Amino acid sequence: MRENSPATVLVTGGTGFIGSHLVELLVAGGARVRCLVRRKSSLAYLPTDRIELAYGDLVSGEGLAEALEGVGTVYHIAGVTKATAAERFYTGNVKATENLLAAIEAAQERPARLVHVSSLAAVGPSADGVPLMEDARPHPLTHYGKSKLEAERIVRNSAFASRTVIVRPPVVYGPRDTDVYLVFRSASRGVALRIGSEESYFSYIYVEDLARMLMAAATVESAAGRTYFAGNAEPASWGQFNSEVAKLAGRKIHNVSVPPFVAHTLAFLSEVSSRLRGSQSILSREKVREARCRYWLANTSRAERELGFQTETSLEDGIAKTFTWYKNSGWLS
């Protein structure tokens, strides 16, 4: 049984990678979409002529009450994935979620559903190569993962818990992404970097598939109060991923093993450089720690069983679509 789609949905993080793809699908489906944005946010990937903009800030709480007026569904996608200081993860992921929930609970007319986007990092890697179930005991490795887990706990301990669906994506890739893009850039030149000598395996999802899953989480009545892993049913290896990219670029892949101590040293230097520049880098000691784990695997059968959701994009097709977008956008030479 599905509920009627609300007239207005609110998306936080709509200017970002995942959020902008979700907004596109929502608009294409006829939904009235409102995006919570900061005044300095880039609107480059938003169809601004077809959506409403609500100016506000999750960390300060500014504008949240107004943004929630008349809203039936909230997609909370905004968050911090990389930062120059650990506390910024907790500000951007935990404090922001606290403020959003406080505004929801204070609203005269509360939304019918909150879809909260978390991460596989909130649970951590698989120790033995067996894909994790949603109820596995969490053991996040990094401040990012710990902050996402704490945000989940805040949601589950709130008065809105019974109306909330938590979705935990693994590796998300696709057009506009700037993180996995670095893998594309390296592999398109015929180089695949690996920390240590062992192959590693991961669950993944193409961004448009994730957007469809978020929409299912918002509309399936029985999903309220539940948590779901997102992703394709079968995992991949980074060797497989790199080889697919290299093939599209007409290259032969060359694997380069980086000793762990070298990776940690380079990550430390990258962190120092980022702080001096006041910018953020994907390379950090915590990212190296995550990369050294062989198995980032999630069992996605609950989403298939309860949401009726299956991914539509194979790894090969998703890589090809993403590669083409990067090429056409001038991101790859």
Protein backbone atom coordinates (compact mmCIF):
# COMPACT_ATOMS: atom_id res chain seq x y z
CA MET A 1 0.00 0.00 0.00
CA ARG A 2 1.34 3.45 -0.87
CA GLU A 3 0.41 6.79 0.54
CA ASN A 4 -0.62 9.66 -1.67
CA SER A 5 2.34 11.78 -2.72
CA PRO A 6 2.41 15.08 -0.81
CA ALA A 7 1.97 18.33 -2.70
CA THR A 8 5.28 19.72 -1.41
CA VAL A 9 8.53 18.00 -0.51
CA LEU A 10 11.52 19.64 1.18
CA VAL A 11 15.03 18.59 0.19
CA THR A 12 18.07 19.50 2.23
CA GLY A 13 21.34 19.16 0.36
CA GLY A 14 19.60 19.68 -2.97
CA THR A 15 22.56 21.60 -4.39
CA GLY A 16 24.85 18.59 -3.86
CA PHE A 17 25.62 15.47 -5.83
CA ILE A 18 22.88 13.13 -4.56
CA GLY A 19 20.37 15.87 -3.78
CA SER A 20 20.43 17.43 -7.23
CA HIS A 21 19.69 14.09 -8.89
CA LEU A 22 16.82 13.49 -6.46
CA VAL A 23 15.37 16.93 -7.20
CA GLU A 24 15.45 16.20 -10.93
CA LEU A 25 13.50 12.95 -10.50
CA LEU A 26 11.00 14.54 -8.15
CA VAL A 27 10.33 17.41 -10.55
CA ALA A 28 10.05 15.00 -13.48
CA GLY A 29 7.45 13.06 -11.48
CA GLY A 30 5.34 16.18 -10.96
CA ALA A 31 6.17 16.87 -7.31
CA ARG A 32 6.29 20.37 -5.93
CA VAL A 33 9.85 20.66 -4.65
CA ARG A 34 11.31 23.11 -2.18
CA CYS A 35 15.06 23.13 -1.54
CA LEU A 36 16.67 24.43 1.62
CA VAL A 37 19.76 26.31 0.46
CA ARG A 38 22.29 28.70 1.92
CA ARG A 39 22.58 32.08 0.25
CA LYS A 40 26.13 31.33 -0.91
CA SER A 41 25.28 27.88 -2.31
CA SER A 42 25.80 27.21 -6.00
CA LEU A 43 22.52 26.48 -7.77
CA ALA A 44 24.20 25.23 -10.94
CA TYR A 45 22.61 21.76 -10.87
CA LEU A 46 19.13 22.80 -9.73
CA PRO A 47 16.19 23.50 -12.08
CA THR A 48 15.53 26.82 -10.33
CA ASP A 49 12.66 27.72 -12.64
CA ARG A 50 10.72 24.64 -11.53
CA ILE A 51 11.34 24.56 -7.77
CA GLU A 52 11.00 26.77 -4.71
CA LEU A 53 14.06 27.98 -2.83
CA ALA A 54 13.97 28.34 0.95
CA TYR A 55 16.97 30.17 2.33
CA GLY A 56 18.21 28.91 5.66
CA ASP A 57 20.90 27.07 7.55
CA LEU A 58 20.74 23.71 9.30
CA VAL A 59 23.57 24.47 11.71
CA SER A 60 22.14 27.75 13.00
CA GLY A 61 18.50 26.71 12.52
CA GLU A 62 17.78 29.87 10.54
CA GLY A 63 14.83 29.59 8.17
CA LEU A 64 13.87 26.01 9.05
CA ALA A 65 10.39 26.83 10.34
CA GLU A 66 9.52 28.70 7.15
CA ALA A 67 11.03 25.99 4.95
CA LEU A 68 8.80 23.35 6.57
CA GLU A 69 5.51 25.18 6.02
CA GLY A 70 3.09 23.01 4.06
CA VAL A 71 5.62 20.21 3.58
CA GLY A 72 4.49 16.59 3.48
CA THR A 73 7.86 14.86 3.05
CA VAL A 74 11.38 15.84 4.04
CA TYR A 75 14.46 14.35 2.39
CA HIS A 76 17.43 15.09 4.65
CA ILE A 77 20.49 14.64 2.44
CA ALA A 78 22.67 17.56 3.55
CA GLY A 79 25.78 16.62 5.47
CA VAL A 80 29.54 16.87 5.74
CA THR A 81 31.56 14.13 4.02
CA LYS A 82 35.02 15.66 4.33
CA ALA A 83 36.40 18.31 6.66
CA THR A 84 39.66 19.85 7.83
CA ALA A 85 38.73 19.31 11.48
CA ALA A 86 36.86 16.47 13.23
CA GLU A 87 34.35 18.74 14.96
CA ARG A 88 32.99 19.87 11.61
CA PHE A 89 31.62 16.38 10.98
CA TYR A 90 29.61 16.56 14.20
CA THR A 91 28.43 20.10 13.50
CA GLY A 92 27.37 19.35 9.93
CA ASN A 93 25.90 15.90 10.54
CA VAL A 94 24.76 15.78 14.17
CA LYS A 95 23.89 19.37 15.09
CA ALA A 96 22.25 19.91 11.71
CA THR A 97 20.04 16.84 12.21
CA GLU A 98 19.15 17.92 15.74
CA ASN A 99 18.03 21.32 14.49
CA LEU A 100 15.99 19.87 11.65
CA LEU A 101 14.19 17.48 13.99
CA ALA A 102 13.52 20.26 16.49
CA ALA A 103 11.98 22.35 13.72
CA ILE A 104 9.87 19.41 12.53
CA GLU A 105 8.60 18.69 16.04
CA ALA A 106 7.77 22.37 16.57
CA ALA A 107 5.86 22.69 13.28
CA GLN A 108 2.11 23.22 13.51
CA GLU A 109 1.59 20.68 10.73
CA ARG A 110 4.27 18.02 10.83
CA PRO A 111 5.39 16.23 7.67
CA ALA A 112 4.12 12.71 7.12
CA ARG A 113 7.59 11.30 6.44
CA LEU A 114 11.27 12.06 6.95
CA VAL A 115 13.81 10.23 4.80
CA HIS A 116 17.18 10.51 6.50
CA VAL A 117 20.24 9.72 4.40
CA SER A 118 23.00 8.13 6.44
CA SER A 119 25.89 5.96 5.22
CA LEU A 120 27.36 2.47 5.35
CA ALA A 121 30.23 4.23 7.14
CA ALA A 122 27.93 4.56 10.17
CA VAL A 123 28.08 0.76 10.54
CA GLY A 124 31.61 0.11 9.31
CA PRO A 125 33.20 -2.58 7.14
CA SER A 126 32.57 -6.30 7.12
CA ALA A 127 35.32 -8.19 8.94
CA ASP A 128 34.93 -11.46 7.03
CA GLY A 129 33.57 -10.54 3.60
CA VAL A 130 29.95 -11.35 4.47
CA PRO A 131 27.66 -8.42 3.56
CA LEU A 132 26.30 -6.70 6.65
CA MET A 133 22.62 -6.63 7.55
CA GLU A 134 20.94 -3.46 8.79
CA ASP A 135 20.87 -4.73 12.39
CA ALA A 136 24.61 -5.47 12.55
CA ARG A 137 26.39 -3.95 15.53
CA PRO A 138 27.87 -0.60 14.40
CA HIS A 139 31.62 -0.10 14.53
CA PRO A 140 32.36 3.07 12.54
CA LEU A 141 36.05 3.74 11.88
CA THR A 142 36.13 7.46 11.25
CA HIS A 143 34.71 10.71 12.56
CA TYR A 144 32.53 10.82 9.48
CA GLY A 145 31.08 7.39 10.24
CA LYS A 146 30.73 8.14 13.96
CA SER A 147 28.93 11.40 13.25
CA LYS A 148 26.53 9.70 10.83
CA LEU A 149 25.81 7.01 13.44
CA GLU A 150 25.17 9.65 16.09
CA ALA A 151 22.77 11.42 13.71
CA GLU A 152 20.92 8.11 13.26
CA ARG A 153 20.62 7.73 17.03
CA ILE A 154 19.21 11.22 17.33
CA VAL A 155 16.61 10.38 14.71
CA ARG A 156 15.68 7.09 16.36
CA ASN A 157 15.39 8.70 19.81
CA SER A 158 13.24 11.57 18.55
CA ALA A 159 9.47 11.92 18.73
CA PHE A 160 9.47 11.63 14.92
CA ALA A 161 11.18 8.23 14.85
CA SER A 162 8.07 6.31 13.81
CA ARG A 163 7.70 8.51 10.71
CA THR A 164 11.36 8.34 9.68
CA VAL A 165 13.12 6.06 7.20
CA ILE A 166 16.91 5.81 7.37
CA VAL A 167 18.73 4.93 4.15
CA ARG A 168 22.41 3.95 4.25
CA PRO A 169 24.14 4.20 0.87
CA PRO A 170 27.55 2.60 0.24
CA VAL A 171 29.83 4.03 -2.50
CA VAL A 172 27.68 6.34 -4.63
CA TYR A 173 28.93 7.35 -8.07
CA GLY A 174 27.58 9.10 -11.13
CA PRO A 175 27.57 12.45 -12.96
CA ARG A 176 28.56 15.47 -10.83
CA ASP A 177 30.34 13.41 -8.19
CA THR A 178 33.75 14.78 -7.17
CA ASP A 179 34.98 11.94 -4.94
CA VAL A 180 34.83 8.76 -7.04
CA TYR A 181 35.72 11.08 -9.90
CA LEU A 182 39.32 10.88 -8.67
CA VAL A 183 39.24 7.14 -9.33
CA PHE A 184 37.90 7.81 -12.83
CA ARG A 185 40.61 10.38 -13.49
CA SER A 186 43.42 8.07 -12.42
CA ALA A 187 42.07 4.95 -14.15
CA SER A 188 41.40 6.88 -17.38
CA ARG A 189 45.16 7.51 -17.44
CA GLY A 190 45.82 3.81 -16.95
CA VAL A 191 46.81 3.98 -13.28
CA ALA A 192 45.06 2.29 -10.35
CA LEU A 193 46.35 3.03 -6.87
CA ARG A 194 45.95 0.42 -4.15
CA ILE A 195 46.99 0.63 -0.51
CA GLY A 196 48.83 -2.59 0.19
CA SER A 197 48.74 -5.59 -2.10
CA GLU A 198 45.32 -7.14 -1.43
CA GLU A 199 42.24 -6.57 -3.58
CA SER A 200 39.30 -4.88 -1.86
CA TYR A 201 35.55 -5.22 -2.45
CA PHE A 202 32.70 -2.79 -1.98
CA SER A 203 28.97 -2.28 -2.37
CA TYR A 204 27.94 0.53 -4.68
CA ILE A 205 24.97 2.30 -6.23
CA TYR A 206 24.53 4.58 -9.23
CA VAL A 207 23.19 7.96 -8.13
CA GLU A 208 19.93 7.81 -10.10
CA ASP A 209 19.16 4.41 -8.58
CA LEU A 210 19.74 5.86 -5.12
CA ALA A 211 17.39 8.74 -5.89
CA ARG A 212 14.69 6.26 -6.89
CA MET A 213 15.22 4.32 -3.68
CA LEU A 214 14.85 7.49 -1.60
CA MET A 215 11.54 8.14 -3.34
CA ALA A 216 10.40 4.60 -2.55
CA ALA A 217 11.39 5.09 1.10
CA ALA A 218 9.18 8.17 1.19
CA THR A 219 6.09 6.52 -0.28
CA VAL A 220 5.97 2.92 0.99
CA GLU A 221 3.77 3.09 4.06
CA SER A 222 5.32 0.13 5.90
CA ALA A 223 8.84 1.61 5.59
CA ALA A 224 8.21 4.14 8.35
CA GLY A 225 10.50 3.49 11.30
CA ARG A 226 12.79 1.19 9.30
CA THR A 227 16.43 1.31 8.18
CA TYR A 228 17.66 0.16 4.76
CA PHE A 229 20.97 -0.40 3.03
CA ALA A 230 21.04 0.82 -0.56
CA GLY A 231 23.05 -0.74 -3.35
CA ASN A 232 23.31 -3.26 -6.16
CA ALA A 233 22.83 -6.82 -5.00
CA GLU A 234 26.32 -7.96 -6.04
CA PRO A 235 29.46 -6.13 -4.87
CA ALA A 236 32.41 -5.19 -7.05
CA SER A 237 36.17 -5.01 -6.65
CA TRP A 238 38.17 -1.85 -7.19
CA GLY A 239 40.20 -3.81 -9.73
CA GLN A 240 37.04 -4.44 -11.72
CA PHE A 241 35.96 -0.81 -11.40
CA ASN A 242 39.31 0.57 -12.54
CA SER A 243 39.52 -1.85 -15.45
CA GLU A 244 36.10 -0.77 -16.73
CA VAL A 245 37.12 2.90 -16.65
CA ALA A 246 40.48 2.20 -18.32
CA LYS A 247 38.76 0.21 -21.08
CA LEU A 248 36.50 3.17 -21.89
CA ALA A 249 39.56 5.40 -22.07
CA GLY A 250 41.33 2.98 -24.37
CA ARG A 251 43.98 2.28 -21.77
CA LYS A 252 45.49 -0.78 -20.14
CA ILE A 253 45.34 -0.55 -16.37
CA HIS A 254 48.53 -0.63 -14.32
CA ASN A 255 48.10 -1.39 -10.61
CA VAL A 256 50.36 0.56 -8.29
CA SER A 257 50.57 -0.69 -4.71
CA VAL A 258 51.27 2.01 -2.15
CA PRO A 259 52.69 0.80 1.20
CA PRO A 260 50.37 1.75 4.09
CA PHE A 261 53.00 3.90 5.84
CA VAL A 262 53.50 5.88 2.63
CA ALA A 263 49.74 6.36 2.24
CA HIS A 264 49.47 7.60 5.84
CA THR A 265 52.36 10.01 5.33
CA LEU A 266 50.87 11.42 2.13
CA ALA A 267 47.48 11.75 3.82
CA PHE A 268 49.02 13.63 6.74
CA LEU A 269 50.76 16.03 4.37
CA SER A 270 47.47 16.50 2.47
CA GLU A 271 45.70 17.34 5.73
CA VAL A 272 48.33 19.93 6.64
CA SER A 273 48.13 21.46 3.18
CA SER A 274 44.33 21.57 3.34
CA ARG A 275 44.39 23.38 6.68
CA LEU A 276 46.89 25.93 5.41
CA ARG A 277 44.80 26.57 2.30
CA GLY A 278 41.53 26.51 4.21
CA SER A 279 40.16 23.93 1.78
CA GLN A 280 39.05 20.32 2.03
CA SER A 281 40.74 17.28 0.52
CA ILE A 282 39.35 13.77 0.07
CA LEU A 283 42.75 12.35 1.06
CA SER A 284 43.07 12.01 4.82
CA ARG A 285 44.40 9.51 7.33
CA GLU A 286 40.84 8.46 8.10
CA LYS A 287 40.17 7.82 4.41
CA VAL A 288 43.33 5.73 4.28
CA ARG A 289 42.08 3.76 7.27
CA GLU A 290 38.81 3.07 5.46
CA ALA A 291 40.62 2.14 2.25
CA ARG A 292 42.74 -0.44 4.06
CA CYS A 293 39.60 -2.45 4.94
CA ARG A 294 39.02 -5.16 2.34
CA TYR A 295 35.25 -5.46 2.61
CA TRP A 296 32.75 -2.59 2.61
CA LEU A 297 29.73 -4.76 1.93
CA ALA A 298 26.03 -4.37 2.63
CA ASN A 299 23.19 -6.85 2.20
CA THR A 300 20.44 -5.04 0.30
CA SER A 301 17.75 -7.73 0.43
CA ARG A 302 15.58 -5.86 2.95
CA ALA A 303 15.07 -2.96 0.53
CA GLU A 304 14.13 -5.38 -2.23
CA ARG A 305 11.76 -7.29 0.03
CA GLU A 306 10.06 -4.39 1.85
CA LEU A 307 10.33 -1.49 -0.60
CA GLY A 308 10.07 -3.55 -3.77
CA PHE A 309 13.22 -1.76 -4.86
CA GLN A 310 15.87 -3.06 -7.22
CA THR A 311 18.64 -1.13 -8.90
CA GLU A 312 18.33 -0.68 -12.65
CA THR A 313 21.92 0.26 -13.48
CA SER A 314 24.68 -2.32 -13.79
CA LEU A 315 28.21 -1.40 -12.87
CA GLU A 316 29.27 -1.38 -16.52
CA ASP A 317 26.37 0.86 -17.60
CA GLY A 318 26.80 3.20 -14.64
CA ILE A 319 30.52 3.61 -15.27
CA ALA A 320 29.87 4.24 -18.97
CA LYS A 321 27.24 6.92 -18.24
CA THR A 322 29.46 8.59 -15.69
CA PHE A 323 32.55 8.44 -17.90
CA THR A 324 30.62 10.03 -20.76
CA TRP A 325 29.38 12.84 -18.51
CA TYR A 326 32.88 13.56 -17.22
CA LYS A 327 34.21 13.64 -20.78
CA ASN A 328 31.44 15.89 -22.09
CA SER A 329 31.82 18.20 -19.11
CA GLY A 330 35.56 18.54 -19.61
CA TRP A 331 36.45 16.77 -16.39
CA LEU A 332 38.42 14.09 -18.27
CA SER A 333 40.79 14.84 -21.13
